[in-house]
Amino acid sequence: MSKSSKLASKKVAAAMHEMKEGKLKTGTGKKVTDPKQAIAIGLSEAREAGAAIPDKSTAKKSNAKKKTDKK
């Protein structure tokens, strides 16, 4: 697992602090209550500031069962 830069961890820590104080808002203006969302906002701000952050992880594909036609 690759690590993020010090700037990224500072941005995430600041976003978490703002969330706990109730001052962190989403892009639409709603209050952030989920810590995962606060981390995502902090990483996004760090990317904009030019911090070295690993690429976003993609969601794994679910193993959907194939339908078979019965004769």
Protein backbone atom coordinates (compact mmCIF):
# COMPACT_ATOMS: atom_id res chain seq x y z
CA MET A 1 0.00 0.00 0.00
CA SER A 2 1.50 3.34 -1.00
CA LYS A 3 1.59 6.30 1.34
CA SER A 4 0.34 9.82 0.86
CA SER A 5 2.44 12.92 1.45
CA LYS A 6 2.61 15.01 4.63
CA LEU A 7 0.55 17.73 2.95
CA ALA A 8 -2.18 15.20 2.25
CA SER A 9 -2.29 14.05 5.87
CA LYS A 10 -2.48 17.66 7.05
CA LYS A 11 -5.39 18.36 4.69
CA VAL A 12 -7.25 15.23 5.83
CA ALA A 13 -6.64 16.09 9.49
CA ALA A 14 -7.97 19.61 8.91
CA ALA A 15 -11.07 18.24 7.16
CA MET A 16 -11.71 15.80 10.03
CA HIS A 17 -11.34 18.62 12.56
CA GLU A 18 -13.81 20.78 10.63
CA MET A 19 -16.26 17.87 10.41
CA LYS A 20 -16.11 17.31 14.17
CA GLU A 21 -16.77 21.02 14.75
CA GLY A 22 -19.68 20.90 12.29
CA LYS A 23 -18.13 23.43 9.90
CA LEU A 24 -17.30 21.12 6.98
CA LYS A 25 -19.76 21.41 4.08
CA THR A 26 -20.22 19.44 0.87
CA GLY A 27 -20.24 21.03 -2.56
CA THR A 28 -24.01 21.48 -2.32
CA GLY A 29 -23.77 23.17 1.08
CA LYS A 30 -24.95 20.30 3.28
CA LYS A 31 -23.11 19.48 6.51
CA VAL A 32 -20.71 16.52 6.37
CA THR A 33 -21.41 13.89 9.05
CA ASP A 34 -19.62 10.81 7.67
CA PRO A 35 -15.88 10.50 8.46
CA LYS A 36 -15.25 8.72 5.14
CA GLN A 37 -16.68 11.70 3.30
CA ALA A 38 -14.45 14.06 5.31
CA ILE A 39 -11.40 11.99 4.34
CA ALA A 40 -12.45 12.10 0.68
CA ILE A 41 -12.81 15.89 0.85
CA GLY A 42 -9.38 16.22 2.48
CA LEU A 43 -7.73 14.05 -0.18
CA SER A 44 -9.48 15.99 -2.93
CA GLU A 45 -8.21 19.29 -1.50
CA ALA A 46 -4.70 17.83 -1.26
CA ARG A 47 -4.84 16.71 -4.91
CA GLU A 48 -5.83 20.24 -5.92
CA ALA A 49 -2.86 21.58 -3.91
CA GLY A 50 -0.54 19.27 -5.85
CA ALA A 51 0.21 16.69 -3.15
CA ALA A 52 1.53 13.26 -4.10
CA ILE A 53 -1.43 10.96 -3.55
CA PRO A 54 -1.99 7.47 -4.98
CA ASP A 55 -4.67 7.13 -7.66
CA LYS A 56 -8.26 6.65 -6.60
CA SER A 57 -9.09 3.00 -6.06
CA THR A 58 -11.80 1.59 -8.27
CA ALA A 59 -14.69 -0.46 -6.97
CA LYS A 60 -14.38 -4.19 -7.48
CA LYS A 61 -16.80 -5.79 -9.87
CA SER A 62 -19.37 -7.98 -8.20
CA ASN A 63 -19.67 -11.58 -9.23
CA ALA A 64 -23.09 -11.48 -10.81
CA LYS A 65 -24.64 -14.85 -11.48
CA LYS A 66 -25.33 -15.53 -15.10
CA LYS A 67 -28.88 -16.39 -16.03
CA THR A 68 -29.32 -19.58 -17.96
CA ASP A 69 -32.31 -20.28 -20.12
CA LYS A 70 -34.13 -23.44 -19.15
CA LYS A 71 -35.44 -25.58 -21.97
